[in-house]
Amino acid sequence: MSQSLFLVTLVVDDYDRAKDFYCGALGFDCLQDDRQPEGKRWVVVKPKGGDGAAFLLAQAANDQQKAAIGNQTGGRVGFFLKSDDFARDHASMLAKGVHFLEAPRHEVYGTVAVFSDPYGNTFDLIEHAAG
């Protein structure tokens, strides 16, 4: 049996704002942006060249969903963006206005720095150590 996680929902306040950040500042590819009934859209974005899961950007539709924006993982780093060149990606993201919560640090497992999206969701940008 073979399984893989291919899509993760990320609740956002506005489709276009989220798409601009993920595709503009982070350089993700937009795989789909299809209109749905009742003003909804099916917006799927994914890191370029990545073999992992994509995000389904889902605009909050009620108060409960709005309350989850930016806190989908209870304040923990919830997402991990793997890089093959940390310095390149870190510099590019800084130049595009991505907010890093710390300076890059070197750990036994690789180089890492935490950044946030416009909503407060936190991510590790990480390049794993060789070996």
N, C-alpha and C. Protein backbone atom coordinates (compact mmCIF):
# COMPACT_ATOMS: atom_id res chain seq x y z
N MET A 1 0.84 -1.18 0.00
CA MET A 1 0.00 0.00 0.00
C MET A 1 0.88 1.24 0.00
N SER A 2 0.49 2.24 -0.76
CA SER A 2 1.23 3.50 -0.83
C SER A 2 0.27 4.65 -0.58
N GLN A 3 0.62 5.51 0.37
CA GLN A 3 -0.20 6.67 0.66
C GLN A 3 0.70 7.89 0.82
N SER A 4 0.11 9.06 0.60
CA SER A 4 0.85 10.29 0.85
C SER A 4 -0.15 11.39 1.17
N LEU A 5 0.29 12.34 1.97
CA LEU A 5 -0.51 13.51 2.27
C LEU A 5 -0.27 14.50 1.14
N PHE A 6 -1.34 14.90 0.43
CA PHE A 6 -1.13 15.73 -0.74
C PHE A 6 -1.75 17.12 -0.63
N LEU A 7 -2.66 17.33 0.34
CA LEU A 7 -3.34 18.61 0.42
C LEU A 7 -3.69 18.91 1.87
N VAL A 8 -3.39 20.15 2.31
CA VAL A 8 -3.68 20.60 3.67
C VAL A 8 -4.46 21.91 3.55
N THR A 9 -5.58 22.01 4.27
CA THR A 9 -6.37 23.24 4.24
C THR A 9 -5.74 24.29 5.13
N LEU A 10 -5.65 25.50 4.63
CA LEU A 10 -5.17 26.64 5.38
C LEU A 10 -6.27 27.70 5.33
N VAL A 11 -6.86 28.01 6.47
CA VAL A 11 -7.95 28.99 6.53
C VAL A 11 -7.35 30.39 6.46
N VAL A 12 -7.88 31.21 5.55
CA VAL A 12 -7.37 32.56 5.31
C VAL A 12 -8.52 33.55 5.30
N ASP A 13 -8.19 34.84 5.35
CA ASP A 13 -9.23 35.86 5.35
C ASP A 13 -9.69 36.26 3.96
N ASP A 14 -8.83 36.07 2.96
CA ASP A 14 -9.14 36.52 1.60
C ASP A 14 -8.32 35.69 0.62
N TYR A 15 -8.98 35.13 -0.39
CA TYR A 15 -8.30 34.29 -1.36
C TYR A 15 -7.13 35.01 -2.03
N ASP A 16 -7.38 36.22 -2.53
CA ASP A 16 -6.36 36.92 -3.30
C ASP A 16 -5.18 37.34 -2.43
N ARG A 17 -5.45 37.82 -1.23
CA ARG A 17 -4.36 38.20 -0.31
C ARG A 17 -3.47 36.99 -0.02
N ALA A 18 -4.08 35.86 0.27
CA ALA A 18 -3.31 34.65 0.57
C ALA A 18 -2.53 34.18 -0.66
N LYS A 19 -3.18 34.18 -1.80
CA LYS A 19 -2.52 33.75 -3.03
C LYS A 19 -1.34 34.65 -3.36
N ASP A 20 -1.50 35.97 -3.17
CA ASP A 20 -0.41 36.90 -3.41
C ASP A 20 0.79 36.59 -2.52
N PHE A 21 0.54 36.28 -1.25
CA PHE A 21 1.65 35.97 -0.35
C PHE A 21 2.32 34.66 -0.74
N TYR A 22 1.55 33.61 -0.87
CA TYR A 22 2.15 32.30 -1.12
C TYR A 22 2.80 32.20 -2.50
N CYS A 23 2.17 32.78 -3.51
CA CYS A 23 2.74 32.70 -4.85
C CYS A 23 3.73 33.83 -5.13
N GLY A 24 3.51 34.99 -4.53
CA GLY A 24 4.40 36.12 -4.74
C GLY A 24 5.61 36.07 -3.83
N ALA A 25 5.39 36.25 -2.55
CA ALA A 25 6.51 36.33 -1.60
C ALA A 25 7.24 35.01 -1.43
N LEU A 26 6.51 33.89 -1.41
CA LEU A 26 7.16 32.60 -1.22
C LEU A 26 7.50 31.90 -2.52
N GLY A 27 6.93 32.34 -3.62
CA GLY A 27 7.26 31.75 -4.92
C GLY A 27 6.58 30.42 -5.21
N PHE A 28 5.50 30.11 -4.50
CA PHE A 28 4.77 28.88 -4.75
C PHE A 28 4.10 28.94 -6.13
N ASP A 29 3.81 27.78 -6.68
CA ASP A 29 3.01 27.68 -7.90
C ASP A 29 1.54 27.62 -7.52
N CYS A 30 0.71 28.27 -8.32
CA CYS A 30 -0.73 28.15 -8.16
C CYS A 30 -1.18 27.01 -9.09
N LEU A 31 -1.59 25.91 -8.49
CA LEU A 31 -1.99 24.74 -9.27
C LEU A 31 -3.43 24.83 -9.74
N GLN A 32 -4.27 25.48 -8.95
CA GLN A 32 -5.68 25.64 -9.31
C GLN A 32 -6.23 26.91 -8.68
N ASP A 33 -7.12 27.56 -9.40
CA ASP A 33 -7.90 28.67 -8.86
C ASP A 33 -9.23 28.66 -9.60
N ASP A 34 -10.12 27.82 -9.12
CA ASP A 34 -11.40 27.60 -9.78
C ASP A 34 -12.53 28.18 -8.95
N ARG A 35 -13.44 28.86 -9.61
CA ARG A 35 -14.62 29.42 -8.95
C ARG A 35 -15.59 28.28 -8.60
N GLN A 36 -16.17 28.40 -7.42
CA GLN A 36 -17.15 27.44 -6.91
C GLN A 36 -18.46 28.18 -6.63
N PRO A 37 -19.53 27.43 -6.36
CA PRO A 37 -20.80 28.10 -6.02
C PRO A 37 -20.66 28.94 -4.74
N GLU A 38 -21.54 29.90 -4.60
CA GLU A 38 -21.65 30.74 -3.41
C GLU A 38 -20.40 31.58 -3.14
N GLY A 39 -19.69 31.96 -4.20
CA GLY A 39 -18.54 32.83 -4.05
C GLY A 39 -17.27 32.16 -3.57
N LYS A 40 -17.30 30.85 -3.41
CA LYS A 40 -16.10 30.14 -2.96
C LYS A 40 -15.19 29.87 -4.14
N ARG A 41 -13.94 29.59 -3.81
CA ARG A 41 -12.95 29.21 -4.82
C ARG A 41 -12.17 28.00 -4.33
N TRP A 42 -11.64 27.25 -5.27
CA TRP A 42 -10.76 26.12 -4.97
C TRP A 42 -9.37 26.58 -5.39
N VAL A 43 -8.60 27.09 -4.39
CA VAL A 43 -7.28 27.66 -4.66
C VAL A 43 -6.23 26.75 -4.04
N VAL A 44 -5.40 26.16 -4.90
CA VAL A 44 -4.37 25.22 -4.44
C VAL A 44 -3.00 25.79 -4.83
N VAL A 45 -2.11 25.92 -3.84
CA VAL A 45 -0.76 26.42 -4.07
C VAL A 45 0.24 25.40 -3.51
N LYS A 46 1.42 25.37 -4.14
CA LYS A 46 2.43 24.38 -3.74
C LYS A 46 3.82 24.92 -4.00
N PRO A 47 4.77 24.62 -3.11
CA PRO A 47 6.15 25.05 -3.37
C PRO A 47 6.66 24.52 -4.71
N LYS A 48 7.44 25.35 -5.39
CA LYS A 48 8.01 24.96 -6.69
C LYS A 48 8.91 23.74 -6.53
N GLY A 49 8.72 22.78 -7.40
CA GLY A 49 9.60 21.62 -7.43
C GLY A 49 9.45 20.69 -6.25
N GLY A 50 8.53 21.00 -5.36
CA GLY A 50 8.38 20.19 -4.17
C GLY A 50 7.61 18.90 -4.42
N ASP A 51 7.91 17.90 -3.61
CA ASP A 51 7.21 16.63 -3.74
C ASP A 51 6.25 16.39 -2.58
N GLY A 52 6.08 17.41 -1.74
CA GLY A 52 5.22 17.28 -0.58
C GLY A 52 3.82 17.79 -0.85
N ALA A 53 3.11 18.05 0.23
CA ALA A 53 1.72 18.47 0.16
C ALA A 53 1.59 19.91 -0.34
N ALA A 54 0.41 20.19 -0.86
CA ALA A 54 0.03 21.53 -1.28
C ALA A 54 -0.95 22.09 -0.25
N PHE A 55 -1.17 23.41 -0.31
CA PHE A 55 -2.17 24.06 0.53
C PHE A 55 -3.42 24.32 -0.29
N LEU A 56 -4.56 24.03 0.32
CA LEU A 56 -5.84 24.50 -0.17
C LEU A 56 -6.14 25.77 0.62
N LEU A 57 -6.14 26.92 -0.04
CA LEU A 57 -6.43 28.18 0.63
C LEU A 57 -7.94 28.33 0.72
N ALA A 58 -8.45 28.29 1.93
CA ALA A 58 -9.90 28.30 2.16
C ALA A 58 -10.29 29.56 2.92
N GLN A 59 -11.04 30.42 2.25
CA GLN A 59 -11.49 31.65 2.89
C GLN A 59 -12.50 31.33 3.99
N ALA A 60 -12.27 31.89 5.17
CA ALA A 60 -13.16 31.66 6.31
C ALA A 60 -14.58 32.05 5.96
N ALA A 61 -15.53 31.19 6.34
CA ALA A 61 -16.93 31.41 5.99
C ALA A 61 -17.82 31.70 7.19
N ASN A 62 -17.28 31.57 8.42
CA ASN A 62 -18.09 31.83 9.60
C ASN A 62 -17.18 32.28 10.75
N ASP A 63 -17.76 32.61 11.87
CA ASP A 63 -16.97 33.13 13.00
C ASP A 63 -15.98 32.10 13.54
N GLN A 64 -16.37 30.84 13.58
CA GLN A 64 -15.47 29.80 14.08
C GLN A 64 -14.24 29.69 13.18
N GLN A 65 -14.43 29.71 11.88
CA GLN A 65 -13.31 29.64 10.95
C GLN A 65 -12.46 30.90 11.02
N LYS A 66 -13.10 32.06 11.15
CA LYS A 66 -12.35 33.31 11.28
C LYS A 66 -11.46 33.29 12.51
N ALA A 67 -11.94 32.70 13.60
CA ALA A 67 -11.16 32.62 14.84
C ALA A 67 -9.93 31.72 14.68
N ALA A 68 -9.95 30.81 13.72
CA ALA A 68 -8.83 29.90 13.51
C ALA A 68 -7.73 30.49 12.62
N ILE A 69 -8.02 31.58 11.93
CA ILE A 69 -7.03 32.17 11.03
C ILE A 69 -5.78 32.53 11.82
N GLY A 70 -4.65 32.03 11.39
CA GLY A 70 -3.37 32.34 12.01
C GLY A 70 -3.06 31.53 13.24
N ASN A 71 -3.97 30.70 13.67
CA ASN A 71 -3.74 29.92 14.88
C ASN A 71 -4.19 28.47 14.69
N GLN A 72 -3.98 27.96 13.53
CA GLN A 72 -4.45 26.61 13.21
C GLN A 72 -3.67 25.53 13.93
N THR A 73 -2.52 25.87 14.47
CA THR A 73 -1.71 24.86 15.18
C THR A 73 -1.47 25.27 16.63
N GLY A 74 -2.32 26.13 17.15
CA GLY A 74 -2.25 26.47 18.56
C GLY A 74 -1.00 27.22 18.97
N GLY A 75 -0.40 27.96 18.04
CA GLY A 75 0.78 28.75 18.36
C GLY A 75 2.11 28.05 18.12
N ARG A 76 2.07 26.79 17.76
CA ARG A 76 3.30 26.06 17.45
C ARG A 76 3.68 26.28 15.99
N VAL A 77 4.96 26.06 15.68
CA VAL A 77 5.35 26.02 14.27
C VAL A 77 4.59 24.83 13.68
N GLY A 78 3.80 25.13 12.67
CA GLY A 78 2.94 24.09 12.13
C GLY A 78 3.33 23.60 10.75
N PHE A 79 4.19 24.34 10.07
CA PHE A 79 4.51 24.01 8.69
C PHE A 79 6.02 24.11 8.50
N PHE A 80 6.55 23.27 7.63
CA PHE A 80 7.99 23.16 7.45
C PHE A 80 8.29 23.20 5.96
N LEU A 81 8.98 24.26 5.56
CA LEU A 81 9.30 24.47 4.15
C LEU A 81 10.76 24.08 3.93
N LYS A 82 10.95 22.96 3.24
CA LYS A 82 12.29 22.44 2.99
C LYS A 82 12.92 23.18 1.82
N SER A 83 14.19 23.53 1.98
CA SER A 83 14.94 24.25 0.96
C SER A 83 16.19 23.48 0.58
N ASP A 84 16.61 23.59 -0.67
CA ASP A 84 17.88 23.02 -1.07
C ASP A 84 19.00 24.06 -1.02
N ASP A 85 18.63 25.33 -0.71
CA ASP A 85 19.61 26.40 -0.57
C ASP A 85 19.03 27.46 0.37
N PHE A 86 19.29 27.28 1.65
CA PHE A 86 18.72 28.15 2.67
C PHE A 86 19.07 29.61 2.42
N ALA A 87 20.34 29.90 2.18
CA ALA A 87 20.78 31.29 2.03
C ALA A 87 20.05 31.97 0.87
N ARG A 88 19.92 31.30 -0.24
CA ARG A 88 19.21 31.86 -1.41
C ARG A 88 17.75 32.15 -1.07
N ASP A 89 17.08 31.15 -0.50
CA ASP A 89 15.65 31.31 -0.22
C ASP A 89 15.40 32.33 0.89
N HIS A 90 16.23 32.33 1.90
CA HIS A 90 16.10 33.30 3.00
C HIS A 90 16.24 34.72 2.46
N ALA A 91 17.27 34.96 1.65
CA ALA A 91 17.50 36.29 1.08
C ALA A 91 16.35 36.71 0.18
N SER A 92 15.86 35.81 -0.64
CA SER A 92 14.74 36.11 -1.54
C SER A 92 13.48 36.45 -0.75
N MET A 93 13.21 35.68 0.28
CA MET A 93 12.02 35.91 1.08
C MET A 93 12.11 37.24 1.83
N LEU A 94 13.28 37.55 2.37
CA LEU A 94 13.46 38.84 3.04
C LEU A 94 13.22 39.99 2.07
N ALA A 95 13.76 39.87 0.86
CA ALA A 95 13.61 40.91 -0.15
C ALA A 95 12.15 41.12 -0.55
N LYS A 96 11.34 40.08 -0.40
CA LYS A 96 9.93 40.16 -0.76
C LYS A 96 9.05 40.47 0.44
N GLY A 97 9.67 40.82 1.57
CA GLY A 97 8.92 41.27 2.72
C GLY A 97 8.43 40.20 3.67
N VAL A 98 8.91 38.97 3.55
CA VAL A 98 8.52 37.91 4.47
C VAL A 98 9.09 38.23 5.85
N HIS A 99 8.28 38.09 6.87
CA HIS A 99 8.66 38.43 8.25
C HIS A 99 9.25 37.20 8.95
N PHE A 100 10.55 37.27 9.25
CA PHE A 100 11.21 36.21 10.01
C PHE A 100 11.18 36.58 11.48
N LEU A 101 10.89 35.60 12.31
CA LEU A 101 10.78 35.82 13.75
C LEU A 101 12.11 35.63 14.47
N GLU A 102 13.12 35.20 13.75
CA GLU A 102 14.43 34.96 14.33
C GLU A 102 15.48 34.99 13.23
N ALA A 103 16.72 35.13 13.65
CA ALA A 103 17.84 35.03 12.72
C ALA A 103 18.08 33.56 12.40
N PRO A 104 18.65 33.27 11.24
CA PRO A 104 18.97 31.88 10.93
C PRO A 104 19.86 31.28 12.01
N ARG A 105 19.63 30.02 12.28
CA ARG A 105 20.46 29.31 13.27
C ARG A 105 20.86 27.96 12.70
N HIS A 106 21.99 27.49 13.17
CA HIS A 106 22.53 26.20 12.71
C HIS A 106 22.34 25.18 13.82
N GLU A 107 21.60 24.15 13.49
CA GLU A 107 21.33 23.05 14.41
C GLU A 107 21.98 21.79 13.86
N VAL A 108 22.01 20.74 14.65
CA VAL A 108 22.62 19.49 14.18
C VAL A 108 21.91 18.94 12.95
N TYR A 109 20.64 19.23 12.80
CA TYR A 109 19.85 18.71 11.68
C TYR A 109 19.86 19.63 10.46
N GLY A 110 20.39 20.87 10.61
CA GLY A 110 20.44 21.76 9.47
C GLY A 110 20.33 23.22 9.84
N THR A 111 20.15 24.07 8.84
CA THR A 111 19.99 25.50 9.02
C THR A 111 18.51 25.82 8.98
N VAL A 112 18.06 26.66 9.93
CA VAL A 112 16.63 26.89 10.08
C VAL A 112 16.36 28.30 10.57
N ALA A 113 15.21 28.85 10.20
CA ALA A 113 14.70 30.10 10.75
C ALA A 113 13.18 30.07 10.65
N VAL A 114 12.54 30.61 11.66
CA VAL A 114 11.08 30.64 11.71
C VAL A 114 10.58 31.93 11.05
N PHE A 115 9.58 31.79 10.18
CA PHE A 115 8.92 32.95 9.60
C PHE A 115 7.42 32.79 9.75
N SER A 116 6.70 33.88 9.52
CA SER A 116 5.25 33.81 9.61
C SER A 116 4.61 34.30 8.32
N ASP A 117 3.41 33.81 8.07
CA ASP A 117 2.62 34.32 6.96
C ASP A 117 1.87 35.56 7.46
N PRO A 118 1.13 36.25 6.61
CA PRO A 118 0.44 37.47 7.05
C PRO A 118 -0.58 37.26 8.15
N TYR A 119 -0.93 36.03 8.41
CA TYR A 119 -1.96 35.71 9.39
C TYR A 119 -1.39 35.33 10.75
N GLY A 120 -0.09 35.04 10.80
CA GLY A 120 0.53 34.62 12.04
C GLY A 120 0.85 33.14 12.10
N ASN A 121 0.48 32.35 11.08
CA ASN A 121 0.90 30.95 11.03
C ASN A 121 2.41 30.91 10.92
N THR A 122 3.04 30.04 11.65
CA THR A 122 4.50 29.98 11.63
C THR A 122 5.02 28.77 10.88
N PHE A 123 6.16 29.00 10.24
CA PHE A 123 6.82 28.01 9.39
C PHE A 123 8.30 27.97 9.75
N ASP A 124 8.89 26.81 9.63
CA ASP A 124 10.35 26.69 9.61
C ASP A 124 10.78 26.68 8.15
N LEU A 125 11.71 27.56 7.79
CA LEU A 125 12.43 27.42 6.54
C LEU A 125 13.67 26.62 6.92
N ILE A 126 13.86 25.47 6.29
CA ILE A 126 14.93 24.58 6.73
C ILE A 126 15.67 23.95 5.55
N GLU A 127 16.99 23.95 5.69
CA GLU A 127 17.84 23.16 4.78
C GLU A 127 18.50 22.11 5.65
N HIS A 128 18.20 20.86 5.38
CA HIS A 128 18.74 19.77 6.20
C HIS A 128 20.24 19.66 6.00
N ALA A 129 20.92 19.27 7.06
CA ALA A 129 22.36 19.04 7.01
C ALA A 129 22.64 17.85 6.10
N ALA A 130 23.77 17.88 5.44
CA ALA A 130 24.18 16.77 4.59
C ALA A 130 24.39 15.53 5.43
N GLY A 131 24.05 14.40 4.86
CA GLY A 131 24.32 13.16 5.58
C GLY A 131 23.17 12.40 5.87
